Amino acid sequence: MNKKIDSKRKFYCTYTILFLIASSIIFSPFFLEHKSLIWYIDKPNAYNDGLCQHYNAFVYYGQYLRKIFENLIFSHQLKVPQWEFGIGYGGDVITTLSYYVIGDPISFLSLFVPTKYSEFAYSILILFRIYLSGIGFCTYARKMKCNNSSVLCAVFAYIFCGFTIFSAVRHPYFINPMIYLPLILLGVEKVFKKENPILYISMVFISAISNFYFFYMLVLLIIIYVIFRYLSFENKTVKEFLFYCIKFLGFASIGVLMAAFILLPTAMFFLETSRISSNYKAYYFRYSKSYYLAFISRLVTGRVVGSYTLVNWTPMILVGIVYSFFKTKKDRWLKGLLVLFTVFLCIPYFGHVFNGFGYISNRWSFAYSFIAAFILARTIPEFF
């Protein structure tokens, strides 16, 4: 037991050291130029969501939480402000900020950050989110019997994929589902093995209160994963599959009900927004020719494909995928998932579905990189 604990500790210490080295190299230009990680472009009509939305929400949330705790400690009164006149012409705090900070466990740390240090804390927490997404990947991959060396190679292909590099400084909270996805899937594996479902329930709860928008995407991804994973088992029966479906639905319902105090008002507000209610017209069954050419040519480059299709893998992933498809017969369910997700990225309608039936956007493409990186982790031992 002690050897197992020591091995685990050594692994995560190694990951932490490698992450510090990698992130220092990747993000050092910002700090060498005395720039923060707050996205701001000093041009007319520029989309400055980093400063105007995410950073302001982070600062406000810290002040909001401190006010609540000050009233509780010094006045012995629990006062939770629910309306803020400083939001536009006045707005509901929970439904407005739940997309950004309310419910997000990491943003809760703003409680301990004085306003004058918010810029520094905001930047550090971006790196912390990326670090945690790697912890999630490592935990899942090790549970799925990948060896430590393979996991350490593959994890950086996941956490520094195009989705991360593009989104981290623009929309830091977009990194959260990269943390939650592997942990939810680990919970799924535990349910399949008839182990304690607490991880699955807990991650459904955390995902649901963190961001309704990405929770919806995660639900779709979980459904697809459960189907493909069960098809990989031996001695499959329809009766057993339906039994598992009921279990997953039941456990997920517990997590959703726990999150209802934030999830319900947020979902009601979200479904009434113009992005959802508007009749958005588009070509749902094919992208432009330039999109497909970019999708192929930019798999391993740093350029964006379009419609928030962010892949930009390390070339090592392509080597792992090619080897897996043509040299091994194992993990057919993983290959099936990768093929299915590739189809999804090639047909606009699925971007419409994953985006809550609004405009076409593939903000779920982090899952594509997750599957590809996991295939790499499974394939690396075959190279030697």
Protein backbone atom coordinates (compact mmCIF):
# COMPACT_ATOMS: atom_id res chain seq x y z
CA MET A 1 0.00 0.00 0.00
CA ASN A 2 2.80 2.42 0.93
CA LYS A 3 4.61 1.68 -2.34
CA LYS A 4 1.42 2.41 -4.25
CA ILE A 5 0.96 5.73 -2.42
CA ASP A 6 4.61 6.65 -2.99
CA SER A 7 4.31 5.82 -6.69
CA LYS A 8 1.18 7.96 -6.98
CA ARG A 9 2.84 10.85 -5.15
CA LYS A 10 5.92 10.58 -7.34
CA PHE A 11 3.80 10.58 -10.49
CA TYR A 12 1.84 13.72 -9.60
CA CYS A 13 4.98 15.51 -8.40
CA THR A 14 6.60 14.72 -11.75
CA TYR A 15 3.53 16.01 -13.58
CA THR A 16 3.56 19.20 -11.51
CA ILE A 17 7.23 19.88 -12.25
CA LEU A 18 6.77 19.22 -15.97
CA PHE A 19 3.68 21.44 -16.01
CA LEU A 20 5.57 24.31 -14.38
CA ILE A 21 8.32 23.99 -16.98
CA ALA A 22 5.92 23.74 -19.93
CA SER A 23 3.63 26.56 -18.81
CA SER A 24 6.63 28.79 -18.09
CA ILE A 25 7.84 28.32 -21.65
CA ILE A 26 4.40 28.82 -23.21
CA PHE A 27 3.25 31.81 -21.18
CA SER A 28 6.60 33.47 -20.41
CA PRO A 29 6.26 35.97 -23.31
CA PHE A 30 3.28 37.53 -21.51
CA PHE A 31 5.21 38.10 -18.32
CA LEU A 32 8.47 39.11 -20.03
CA GLU A 33 6.52 41.83 -21.81
CA HIS A 34 4.81 42.77 -18.54
CA LYS A 35 1.43 41.65 -19.84
CA SER A 36 -1.29 39.94 -17.84
CA LEU A 37 -3.43 37.08 -19.17
CA ILE A 38 -6.48 39.33 -19.43
CA TRP A 39 -7.63 39.39 -23.05
CA TYR A 40 -7.80 42.96 -24.28
CA ILE A 41 -7.29 44.37 -27.79
CA ASP A 42 -7.00 48.13 -27.97
CA LYS A 43 -8.91 48.54 -31.23
CA PRO A 44 -12.37 49.89 -32.08
CA ASN A 45 -15.14 47.26 -32.07
CA ALA A 46 -12.76 44.57 -30.79
CA TYR A 47 -14.20 41.66 -28.82
CA ASN A 48 -12.67 42.22 -25.40
CA ASP A 49 -14.57 39.59 -23.43
CA GLY A 50 -11.55 38.94 -21.23
CA LEU A 51 -11.51 42.40 -19.69
CA CYS A 52 -15.10 43.54 -20.19
CA GLN A 53 -16.78 40.32 -19.06
CA HIS A 54 -14.63 37.67 -17.42
CA TYR A 55 -12.25 39.83 -15.43
CA ASN A 56 -14.95 42.25 -14.29
CA ALA A 57 -17.11 39.31 -13.21
CA PHE A 58 -14.17 37.84 -11.27
CA VAL A 59 -13.52 41.12 -9.42
CA TYR A 60 -17.21 41.70 -8.71
CA TYR A 61 -17.66 38.13 -7.44
CA GLY A 62 -14.84 38.56 -4.94
CA GLN A 63 -16.39 41.76 -3.62
CA TYR A 64 -19.82 40.12 -3.62
CA LEU A 65 -18.63 37.15 -1.55
CA ARG A 66 -16.69 39.30 0.90
CA LYS A 67 -19.77 41.45 1.51
CA ILE A 68 -21.85 38.34 2.30
CA PHE A 69 -19.27 36.99 4.75
CA GLU A 70 -18.73 40.37 6.38
CA ASN A 71 -22.46 40.64 7.09
CA LEU A 72 -22.49 37.08 8.40
CA ILE A 73 -19.48 37.52 10.70
CA PHE A 74 -19.98 41.06 11.99
CA SER A 75 -23.75 41.60 11.70
CA HIS A 76 -24.70 37.94 12.16
CA GLN A 77 -27.04 38.23 9.20
CA LEU A 78 -27.07 36.12 6.06
CA LYS A 79 -27.79 38.62 3.29
CA VAL A 80 -27.32 37.39 -0.26
CA PRO A 81 -27.83 40.26 -2.75
CA GLN A 82 -29.89 39.01 -5.69
CA TRP A 83 -30.17 42.21 -7.74
CA GLU A 84 -27.45 44.56 -8.92
CA PHE A 85 -28.27 47.93 -10.46
CA GLY A 86 -24.73 48.13 -11.82
CA ILE A 87 -25.41 45.30 -14.30
CA GLY A 88 -26.64 47.12 -17.41
CA TYR A 89 -29.88 48.84 -16.40
CA GLY A 90 -30.06 46.46 -13.46
CA GLY A 91 -29.90 42.68 -13.50
CA ASP A 92 -30.31 39.47 -11.54
CA VAL A 93 -26.96 38.53 -10.03
CA ILE A 94 -27.29 34.75 -10.18
CA THR A 95 -28.59 34.40 -13.74
CA THR A 96 -26.17 37.01 -15.05
CA LEU A 97 -23.00 35.76 -13.38
CA SER A 98 -23.67 32.00 -13.33
CA TYR A 99 -22.24 31.85 -16.86
CA TYR A 100 -19.00 33.33 -15.55
CA VAL A 101 -18.27 32.83 -11.86
CA ILE A 102 -21.19 31.90 -9.61
CA GLY A 103 -21.04 28.17 -8.95
CA ASP A 104 -17.49 27.84 -10.24
CA PRO A 105 -15.38 26.36 -7.40
CA ILE A 106 -12.19 27.96 -8.71
CA SER A 107 -13.69 31.44 -8.95
CA PHE A 108 -14.78 31.08 -5.32
CA LEU A 109 -11.12 31.69 -4.46
CA SER A 110 -11.72 35.34 -5.39
CA LEU A 111 -13.18 35.60 -1.88
CA PHE A 112 -9.62 35.64 -0.52
CA VAL A 113 -8.17 38.05 -3.08
CA PRO A 114 -8.21 41.81 -2.36
CA THR A 115 -9.33 43.82 -5.38
CA LYS A 116 -5.85 45.30 -5.93
CA TYR A 117 -4.44 41.80 -6.47
CA SER A 118 -7.27 40.57 -8.70
CA GLU A 119 -5.33 40.96 -11.94
CA PHE A 120 -2.53 38.72 -10.67
CA ALA A 121 -4.94 36.17 -9.18
CA TYR A 122 -7.01 36.06 -12.37
CA SER A 123 -3.91 35.18 -14.41
CA ILE A 124 -2.65 32.59 -11.94
CA LEU A 125 -6.06 30.89 -11.82
CA ILE A 126 -6.00 30.52 -15.60
CA LEU A 127 -2.85 28.42 -15.23
CA PHE A 128 -4.40 26.61 -12.28
CA ARG A 129 -7.39 25.58 -14.41
CA ILE A 130 -5.09 24.17 -17.06
CA TYR A 131 -3.14 22.34 -14.36
CA LEU A 132 -6.33 20.81 -12.95
CA SER A 133 -7.46 19.67 -16.40
CA GLY A 134 -4.22 17.70 -16.52
CA ILE A 135 -4.87 16.23 -13.08
CA GLY A 136 -8.27 15.08 -14.32
CA PHE A 137 -6.80 13.50 -17.45
CA CYS A 138 -4.05 11.74 -15.49
CA THR A 139 -6.51 10.37 -12.94
CA TYR A 140 -8.78 8.99 -15.66
CA ALA A 141 -5.98 7.56 -17.81
CA ARG A 142 -4.25 5.85 -14.88
CA LYS A 143 -7.55 4.32 -13.80
CA MET A 144 -7.91 3.00 -17.36
CA LYS A 145 -4.61 1.11 -16.95
CA CYS A 146 -2.35 3.43 -18.93
CA ASN A 147 1.23 3.37 -17.67
CA ASN A 148 2.68 6.46 -16.05
CA SER A 149 5.14 7.33 -18.81
CA SER A 150 2.43 7.19 -21.46
CA VAL A 151 0.12 9.37 -19.40
CA LEU A 152 2.83 11.98 -18.84
CA CYS A 153 3.38 12.17 -22.59
CA ALA A 154 -0.30 12.34 -23.51
CA VAL A 155 -1.51 14.73 -20.82
CA PHE A 156 0.37 17.71 -22.27
CA ALA A 157 -1.09 16.98 -25.69
CA TYR A 158 -4.49 17.39 -24.05
CA ILE A 159 -4.00 20.38 -21.77
CA PHE A 160 -2.07 22.42 -24.36
CA CYS A 161 -4.24 21.55 -27.36
CA GLY A 162 -5.63 24.32 -29.57
CA PHE A 163 -8.77 24.68 -27.48
CA THR A 164 -6.70 25.58 -24.42
CA ILE A 165 -4.26 27.92 -26.12
CA PHE A 166 -7.08 29.80 -27.85
CA SER A 167 -9.61 29.85 -25.01
CA ALA A 168 -7.58 30.13 -21.81
CA VAL A 169 -6.90 33.86 -22.00
CA ARG A 170 -10.05 34.75 -23.93
CA HIS A 171 -12.58 32.78 -21.91
CA PRO A 172 -10.92 31.18 -18.84
CA TYR A 173 -14.11 29.44 -17.75
CA PHE A 174 -14.10 27.46 -21.01
CA ILE A 175 -11.28 25.41 -19.47
CA ASN A 176 -13.55 24.14 -16.69
CA PRO A 177 -15.24 21.43 -18.80
CA MET A 178 -11.76 20.14 -19.63
CA ILE A 179 -11.39 19.51 -15.89
CA TYR A 180 -14.82 18.00 -15.42
CA LEU A 181 -14.99 15.70 -18.48
CA PRO A 182 -12.31 13.15 -17.46
CA LEU A 183 -13.56 13.08 -13.87
CA ILE A 184 -17.17 12.52 -14.95
CA LEU A 185 -16.04 9.73 -17.27
CA LEU A 186 -14.05 8.23 -14.42
CA GLY A 187 -17.28 8.31 -12.42
CA VAL A 188 -19.00 6.53 -15.31
CA GLU A 189 -16.35 3.80 -15.20
CA LYS A 190 -16.92 3.38 -11.47
CA VAL A 191 -20.65 2.95 -12.01
CA PHE A 192 -19.99 0.35 -14.71
CA LYS A 193 -17.78 -1.52 -12.24
CA LYS A 194 -20.44 -1.28 -9.53
CA GLU A 195 -18.20 0.90 -7.36
CA ASN A 196 -19.21 3.90 -5.27
CA PRO A 197 -21.07 6.42 -7.50
CA ILE A 198 -20.15 9.42 -5.34
CA LEU A 199 -17.59 10.73 -7.87
CA TYR A 200 -20.13 10.59 -10.70
CA ILE A 201 -22.82 12.32 -8.62
CA SER A 202 -20.39 14.94 -7.31
CA MET A 203 -19.04 15.82 -10.74
CA VAL A 204 -22.55 16.09 -12.20
CA PHE A 205 -23.39 18.46 -9.35
CA ILE A 206 -20.25 20.58 -9.79
CA SER A 207 -20.67 20.72 -13.57
CA ALA A 208 -24.32 21.70 -13.24
CA ILE A 209 -23.72 24.60 -10.85
CA SER A 210 -20.58 25.81 -12.64
CA ASN A 211 -22.00 26.53 -16.07
CA PHE A 212 -25.33 25.43 -17.52
CA TYR A 213 -24.06 25.96 -21.06
CA PHE A 214 -21.16 23.51 -20.79
CA PHE A 215 -23.14 21.17 -18.57
CA TYR A 216 -25.51 20.65 -21.49
CA MET A 217 -22.56 19.70 -23.72
CA LEU A 218 -21.17 17.36 -21.07
CA VAL A 219 -24.53 15.58 -20.82
CA LEU A 220 -24.47 14.87 -24.56
CA LEU A 221 -20.87 13.65 -24.33
CA ILE A 222 -21.69 11.38 -21.37
CA ILE A 223 -24.57 9.78 -23.27
CA ILE A 224 -22.35 9.08 -26.28
CA TYR A 225 -19.53 7.76 -24.08
CA VAL A 226 -21.82 5.41 -22.14
CA ILE A 227 -23.17 3.90 -25.37
CA PHE A 228 -19.76 3.31 -26.93
CA ARG A 229 -18.22 2.09 -23.69
CA TYR A 230 -20.95 -0.45 -23.09
CA LEU A 231 -20.66 -1.73 -26.66
CA SER A 232 -17.01 -2.56 -25.88
CA PHE A 233 -18.02 -4.98 -23.12
CA GLU A 234 -18.43 -8.72 -23.58
CA ASN A 235 -21.72 -10.52 -22.94
CA LYS A 236 -23.83 -7.47 -23.75
CA THR A 237 -27.61 -7.60 -23.36
CA VAL A 238 -30.32 -5.03 -23.96
CA LYS A 239 -31.68 -5.66 -20.48
CA GLU A 240 -28.34 -4.93 -18.82
CA PHE A 241 -27.84 -1.81 -20.94
CA LEU A 242 -31.24 -0.45 -19.92
CA PHE A 243 -30.37 -1.24 -16.30
CA TYR A 244 -27.19 0.83 -16.57
CA CYS A 245 -29.10 3.65 -18.28
CA ILE A 246 -31.50 3.78 -15.34
CA LYS A 247 -28.59 3.83 -12.89
CA PHE A 248 -26.81 6.64 -14.71
CA LEU A 249 -30.02 8.63 -14.99
CA GLY A 250 -30.83 8.09 -11.33
CA PHE A 251 -27.39 9.07 -10.05
CA ALA A 252 -27.27 12.06 -12.40
CA SER A 253 -30.69 13.17 -11.17
CA ILE A 254 -29.31 13.35 -7.63
CA GLY A 255 -26.52 15.66 -8.79
CA VAL A 256 -28.92 17.80 -10.84
CA LEU A 257 -31.38 18.14 -7.95
CA MET A 258 -28.53 19.17 -5.65
CA ALA A 259 -27.61 21.86 -8.18
CA ALA A 260 -31.18 23.02 -8.84
CA PHE A 261 -30.87 26.16 -6.70
CA ILE A 262 -28.54 27.58 -9.38
CA LEU A 263 -29.26 25.35 -12.36
CA LEU A 264 -33.02 25.94 -12.56
CA PRO A 265 -33.09 29.77 -12.67
CA THR A 266 -30.05 29.78 -14.94
CA ALA A 267 -31.58 27.29 -17.37
CA MET A 268 -34.84 29.23 -17.49
CA PHE A 269 -32.96 32.46 -18.19
CA PHE A 270 -30.70 30.83 -20.79
CA LEU A 271 -33.59 29.34 -22.75
CA GLU A 272 -35.15 32.78 -23.08
CA THR A 273 -32.06 34.51 -24.47
CA SER A 274 -31.92 35.80 -28.01
CA ARG A 275 -29.15 33.37 -28.97
CA ILE A 276 -31.51 30.48 -28.35
CA SER A 277 -34.89 31.91 -29.22
CA SER A 278 -33.85 33.54 -32.51
CA ASN A 279 -34.45 31.69 -35.76
CA TYR A 280 -30.87 31.27 -36.81
CA LYS A 281 -30.51 30.28 -40.43
CA ALA A 282 -27.47 28.44 -41.73
CA TYR A 283 -26.30 25.61 -43.94
CA TYR A 284 -26.62 22.75 -41.48
CA PHE A 285 -25.17 19.92 -43.53
CA ARG A 286 -21.97 21.29 -44.99
CA TYR A 287 -19.35 23.89 -44.21
CA SER A 288 -17.53 25.86 -46.85
CA LYS A 289 -14.73 24.24 -48.82
CA SER A 290 -12.21 26.44 -47.00
CA TYR A 291 -13.36 24.99 -43.65
CA TYR A 292 -12.58 21.40 -44.69
CA LEU A 293 -9.22 22.39 -46.17
CA ALA A 294 -8.37 24.26 -42.97
CA PHE A 295 -9.54 21.34 -40.81
CA ILE A 296 -7.05 19.04 -42.51
CA SER A 297 -4.15 21.46 -42.90
CA ARG A 298 -4.40 22.93 -39.39
CA LEU A 299 -4.62 19.75 -37.33
CA VAL A 300 -1.09 20.35 -36.09
CA THR A 301 -0.73 24.11 -36.55
CA GLY A 302 -1.65 27.01 -34.31
CA ARG A 303 -4.29 28.51 -36.58
CA VAL A 304 -8.05 28.40 -36.02
CA VAL A 305 -10.23 26.33 -38.36
CA GLY A 306 -13.51 28.20 -37.85
CA SER A 307 -16.80 27.83 -35.94
CA TYR A 308 -14.72 27.35 -32.78
CA THR A 309 -13.29 24.12 -34.13
CA LEU A 310 -10.04 24.13 -32.17
CA VAL A 311 -7.83 21.09 -32.67
CA ASN A 312 -4.19 22.10 -33.24
CA TRP A 313 -2.69 18.90 -31.87
CA THR A 314 0.92 18.01 -31.31
CA PRO A 315 2.15 15.80 -34.22
CA MET A 316 2.64 12.98 -31.70
CA ILE A 317 -1.14 12.59 -31.51
CA LEU A 318 -1.40 12.00 -35.26
CA VAL A 319 1.31 9.35 -35.01
CA GLY A 320 -0.61 7.66 -32.19
CA ILE A 321 -3.91 7.77 -34.08
CA VAL A 322 -2.44 6.38 -37.31
CA TYR A 323 -0.67 3.61 -35.39
CA SER A 324 -3.82 2.78 -33.43
CA PHE A 325 -5.99 2.53 -36.54
CA PHE A 326 -3.60 0.55 -38.72
CA LYS A 327 -1.39 -1.43 -36.34
CA THR A 328 -3.61 -2.47 -33.42
CA LYS A 329 -7.03 -4.02 -33.06
CA LYS A 330 -7.69 -3.00 -29.47
CA ASP A 331 -9.76 -0.06 -28.23
CA ARG A 332 -12.21 -0.12 -31.11
CA TRP A 333 -14.67 1.84 -29.02
CA LEU A 334 -12.15 4.69 -28.75
CA LYS A 335 -11.55 4.68 -32.48
CA GLY A 336 -15.30 4.69 -33.01
CA LEU A 337 -15.64 7.74 -30.76
CA LEU A 338 -12.88 9.56 -32.64
CA VAL A 339 -14.50 8.81 -36.00
CA LEU A 340 -17.91 9.92 -34.72
CA PHE A 341 -16.51 13.17 -33.30
CA THR A 342 -14.72 13.79 -36.61
CA VAL A 343 -18.06 13.45 -38.40
CA PHE A 344 -19.62 15.84 -35.89
CA LEU A 345 -16.95 18.44 -36.66
CA CYS A 346 -17.54 18.04 -40.39
CA ILE A 347 -21.31 18.60 -40.31
CA PRO A 348 -22.53 22.03 -39.10
CA TYR A 349 -25.77 20.66 -37.70
CA PHE A 350 -23.94 19.00 -34.81
CA GLY A 351 -22.34 22.33 -33.91
CA HIS A 352 -25.89 23.67 -33.83
CA VAL A 353 -27.03 20.83 -31.53
CA PHE A 354 -24.06 21.02 -29.14
CA ASN A 355 -24.51 24.78 -28.91
CA GLY A 356 -28.01 24.44 -27.52
CA PHE A 357 -29.64 24.68 -30.98
CA GLY A 358 -28.32 28.21 -31.36
CA TYR A 359 -25.73 29.41 -33.84
CA ILE A 360 -23.16 26.90 -35.08
CA SER A 361 -20.23 26.54 -32.68
CA ASN A 362 -17.99 23.60 -31.84
CA ARG A 363 -17.09 24.65 -28.33
CA TRP A 364 -17.31 20.99 -27.39
CA SER A 365 -14.15 20.27 -29.45
CA PHE A 366 -12.11 19.93 -26.25
CA ALA A 367 -13.66 16.44 -26.03
CA TYR A 368 -12.21 15.63 -29.45
CA SER A 369 -8.74 16.42 -28.15
CA PHE A 370 -9.42 14.41 -24.99
CA ILE A 371 -10.22 11.25 -26.96
CA ALA A 372 -7.24 11.78 -29.27
CA ALA A 373 -4.86 12.29 -26.34
CA PHE A 374 -6.23 9.22 -24.58
CA ILE A 375 -5.69 7.15 -27.73
CA LEU A 376 -2.10 8.40 -27.66
CA ALA A 377 -1.74 7.30 -24.03
CA ARG A 378 -3.06 3.85 -24.94
CA THR A 379 -0.83 3.57 -28.00
CA ILE A 380 2.57 4.78 -26.77
CA PRO A 381 3.50 1.42 -25.12
CA GLU A 382 2.99 -0.23 -28.52
CA PHE A 383 5.79 1.89 -29.99
CA PHE A 384 8.44 0.13 -27.92
